[in-house]
Protein backbone atom coordinates (compact mmCIF):
# COMPACT_ATOMS: atom_id res chain seq x y z
CA PHE A 1 -24.35 -6.78 -17.43
CA GLU A 2 -23.25 -3.17 -17.59
CA PRO A 3 -20.87 -1.69 -15.00
CA GLN A 4 -21.15 1.97 -16.07
CA LYS A 5 -24.01 3.63 -14.20
CA ASN A 6 -25.16 5.99 -16.97
CA ILE A 7 -25.20 3.25 -19.62
CA TYR A 8 -26.82 0.81 -17.19
CA ASN A 9 -29.65 3.31 -16.57
CA GLU A 10 -30.16 3.69 -20.33
CA LEU A 11 -30.11 -0.10 -20.80
CA LYS A 12 -32.65 -0.61 -18.04
CA LYS A 13 -34.94 1.98 -19.62
CA ASN A 14 -34.59 0.30 -23.06
CA VAL A 15 -35.74 -3.10 -21.76
CA GLU A 16 -38.35 -2.04 -19.21
CA ASN A 17 -41.19 -3.46 -21.35
CA TYR A 18 -39.59 -6.91 -21.59
CA LYS A 19 -40.62 -9.13 -18.71
CA ASN A 20 -37.84 -11.67 -19.37
CA ALA A 21 -35.00 -9.10 -19.42
CA GLU A 22 -32.97 -8.51 -16.29
CA CYS A 23 -30.14 -5.97 -16.04
CA PHE A 24 -27.18 -6.06 -13.66
CA ASN A 25 -25.07 -3.02 -12.75
CA PHE A 26 -21.67 -4.72 -12.50
CA GLY A 27 -19.13 -6.35 -14.77
CA LEU A 28 -18.12 -9.98 -15.03
CA GLY A 29 -14.70 -11.51 -14.45
CA ALA A 30 -12.69 -14.35 -12.93
CA GLU A 31 -13.14 -13.18 -9.34
CA ASN A 32 -15.36 -10.95 -7.24
CA LYS A 33 -13.56 -7.64 -6.71
CA LEU A 34 -13.51 -3.90 -7.30
CA VAL A 35 -11.40 -2.70 -10.23
CA ASN A 36 -10.42 0.52 -11.95
CA PHE A 37 -12.35 1.09 -15.21
CA TYR A 38 -10.94 3.19 -18.08
CA ILE A 39 -13.74 5.20 -19.65
CA ASN A 40 -13.75 6.28 -23.26
CA THR A 41 -15.41 9.69 -23.35
CA ASN A 42 -15.92 10.46 -27.06
CA ASN A 43 -17.07 7.20 -28.59
CA GLU A 44 -20.31 6.66 -26.64
CA ASN A 45 -18.18 4.75 -24.11
CA GLN A 46 -17.91 1.83 -26.59
CA SER A 47 -14.17 1.36 -25.98
CA SER A 48 -14.26 1.58 -22.17
CA SER A 49 -12.51 -1.31 -20.45
CA VAL A 50 -11.20 -2.80 -17.24
CA LEU A 51 -7.89 -3.03 -19.10
CA LYS A 52 -5.72 0.00 -19.78
CA PRO A 53 -5.70 1.02 -23.48
CA LYS A 54 -2.53 0.12 -25.38
CA ASP A 55 -2.47 -0.36 -29.18
CA HIS A 56 -6.05 0.94 -29.23
CA LEU A 57 -4.50 4.40 -28.93
CA LYS A 58 -2.42 3.76 -32.06
CA TYR A 59 -5.11 2.12 -34.23
CA HIS A 60 -7.92 4.44 -33.12
CA PRO A 61 -6.22 7.76 -32.19
CA HIS A 62 -9.53 9.63 -32.33
CA VAL A 63 -10.82 7.63 -29.33
CA THR A 64 -9.84 9.15 -26.00
CA PHE A 65 -9.86 7.81 -22.45
CA ASN A 66 -10.22 10.79 -20.11
CA LYS A 67 -12.03 9.32 -17.16
CA GLU A 68 -11.74 6.42 -14.71
CA GLU A 69 -14.11 4.98 -12.13
CA GLU A 70 -14.17 2.04 -9.80
CA ILE A 71 -16.57 -0.75 -10.74
CA GLU A 72 -17.64 -4.04 -9.23
CA ILE A 73 -16.76 -7.36 -10.92
CA LYS A 74 -18.55 -10.64 -10.15
CA ARG A 75 -18.21 -14.21 -11.35
CA LEU A 76 -21.06 -15.44 -13.57
CA ASP A 77 -20.94 -18.82 -11.83
CA ASP A 78 -21.77 -17.19 -8.48
CA LEU A 79 -25.02 -15.62 -9.75
CA GLU A 80 -27.19 -18.76 -9.90
CA LEU A 81 -29.01 -17.67 -13.05
CA GLY A 82 -30.06 -21.18 -14.04
CA GLU A 83 -29.29 -22.85 -17.34
CA ILE A 84 -27.68 -20.64 -19.93
CA ASP A 85 -27.18 -21.92 -23.49
CA PHE A 86 -25.94 -18.72 -25.21
CA ILE A 87 -23.46 -16.08 -24.01
CA ASN A 88 -22.49 -12.88 -25.80
CA ILE A 89 -19.28 -11.22 -24.53
CA ASP A 90 -17.96 -7.83 -25.65
CA VAL A 91 -15.70 -6.52 -22.89
CA GLN A 92 -12.75 -4.91 -24.67
CA GLY A 93 -10.08 -7.55 -24.14
CA TYR A 94 -11.34 -8.90 -20.80
CA GLU A 95 -13.17 -11.83 -22.43
CA LEU A 96 -10.92 -14.56 -21.02
CA GLU A 97 -11.42 -13.27 -17.47
CA VAL A 98 -15.20 -13.40 -17.95
CA LEU A 99 -14.91 -16.98 -19.20
CA LYS A 100 -12.70 -17.98 -16.27
CA GLY A 101 -15.49 -16.85 -13.94
CA SER A 102 -18.00 -18.86 -16.01
CA LYS A 103 -16.35 -22.30 -16.07
CA ASP A 104 -19.32 -24.11 -14.49
CA SER A 105 -21.76 -22.29 -16.76
CA LEU A 106 -19.76 -23.29 -19.85
CA GLU A 107 -20.76 -26.90 -19.27
CA ASP A 108 -24.36 -26.09 -20.33
CA VAL A 109 -23.62 -23.34 -22.86
CA LYS A 110 -23.93 -24.33 -26.52
CA TYR A 111 -23.06 -21.07 -28.28
CA LEU A 112 -20.72 -18.14 -27.64
CA PHE A 113 -20.52 -14.87 -29.54
CA ILE A 114 -17.35 -13.07 -28.46
CA GLU A 115 -15.40 -10.01 -29.52
CA VAL A 116 -11.85 -11.15 -30.32
CA ASN A 117 -8.48 -9.44 -30.81
CA ARG A 118 -5.46 -10.07 -33.03
CA LYS A 119 -3.43 -7.30 -31.42
CA GLU A 120 -2.95 -6.16 -27.83
CA LEU A 121 -5.41 -3.27 -28.06
CA TYR A 122 -5.53 -3.19 -24.25
CA GLU A 123 -2.74 -4.14 -21.86
CA ASP A 124 -2.71 -7.91 -21.32
CA CYS A 125 -5.87 -8.47 -23.36
CA VAL A 126 -6.53 -11.98 -24.60
CA LEU A 127 -5.70 -12.72 -28.24
CA VAL A 128 -7.96 -14.90 -30.35
CA LYS A 129 -5.48 -17.80 -30.49
CA ASP A 130 -5.38 -17.94 -26.68
CA LEU A 131 -9.15 -17.70 -26.44
CA ASP A 132 -9.45 -20.60 -28.91
CA LYS A 133 -7.07 -22.68 -26.79
CA PHE A 134 -8.98 -21.96 -23.56
CA LEU A 135 -12.36 -22.74 -25.10
CA GLN A 136 -11.18 -26.04 -26.60
CA GLN A 137 -11.01 -27.36 -23.01
CA TYR A 138 -14.79 -26.92 -22.93
CA GLU A 139 -15.33 -28.50 -26.36
CA PHE A 140 -15.90 -25.18 -28.17
CA ASN A 141 -14.63 -24.48 -31.64
CA ARG A 142 -14.63 -21.16 -33.46
CA LEU A 143 -16.98 -21.65 -36.38
CA GLU A 144 -17.03 -18.15 -37.87
CA THR A 145 -15.07 -14.92 -37.49
CA GLU A 146 -15.87 -11.51 -38.93
CA TRP A 147 -12.87 -9.19 -38.72
CA TRP A 148 -13.39 -5.45 -38.54
CA ASN A 149 -12.46 -3.95 -41.90
CA LYS A 150 -11.64 -7.53 -43.12
CA THR A 151 -8.01 -7.40 -41.88
CA GLY A 152 -8.68 -5.47 -38.69
CA THR A 153 -7.17 -5.82 -35.29
CA TRP A 154 -10.45 -7.01 -33.76
CA GLY A 155 -13.64 -8.75 -34.77
CA ASP A 156 -16.48 -10.98 -33.64
CA ALA A 157 -16.30 -14.75 -33.37
CA PHE A 158 -19.00 -17.39 -33.10
CA TYR A 159 -18.10 -20.49 -31.08
CA ILE A 160 -20.18 -23.63 -30.89
CA LYS A 161 -19.95 -26.86 -28.90
CA LYS A 162 -18.11 -29.41 -30.98
CA ASP A 163 -20.85 -32.05 -30.84
CA LEU A 164 -23.36 -29.65 -32.46
CA VAL A 165 -21.42 -29.32 -35.73
CA LYS A 166 -20.86 -31.76 -38.57
CA LYS A 167 -17.23 -32.85 -38.76
CA THR A 168 -16.80 -31.49 -42.31
CA SER A 169 -18.09 -28.05 -41.31
CA LEU A 170 -15.84 -28.06 -38.27
CA LEU A 171 -12.78 -29.01 -40.32
CA PHE A 172 -13.54 -26.28 -42.86
CA SER A 173 -13.94 -23.66 -40.10
CA LEU A 174 -10.72 -24.65 -38.36
CA LEU A 175 -8.80 -24.45 -41.65
CA LYS A 176 -10.36 -21.08 -42.49
CA ASN A 177 -9.48 -19.70 -39.04
CA LYS A 178 -5.89 -20.85 -39.45
CA LEU A 179 -5.59 -19.21 -42.87
CA GLN A 180 -7.14 -15.96 -41.62
CA GLY A 181 -4.58 -15.94 -38.85
CA LYS A 182 -1.73 -16.19 -41.35
CA ILE A 183 -2.89 -13.81 -44.09
CA GLY A 184 -5.26 -11.46 -42.26
CA ARG A 185 -2.80 -9.48 -40.17
CA ALA A 186 -3.30 -5.77 -39.70
């Protein structure tokens, strides 16, 4: 799923030899709608987001947002893609909205790999503690987190359905996540 036309075209070209790869030129969210998209113009568009940049401007002053465009957002649950057991989400703070539009799909999903935030890098972006709370409703626990620059403002988290993990591993991960939250502030 890639809402930016130029990146979508590049993505489509990169996977054209894979018969099982399908690309979609829209973003995902909690509801079907058109939204304004803030485009980062000097970082290969890696920081572009549906959400307006906030602390991102302070922590990464070299990254600029000089362009905006309207994009389409759709709910994952409305796409009828069949069974999905793994989802990877990297949407610059809009992760919770994607998950809200994927509630039915989350019943079958076993693993999630999600970019997470400790700070409000984008206006009203979800913080990792709130993402954890939302995902617990669907029996997901954060098993591993790799923070950018060890104490960074963002990182990547791996979530797994609770019944797929030994209780001792789960307890260790929950304790580690709690400690990282207390001592790993940027």
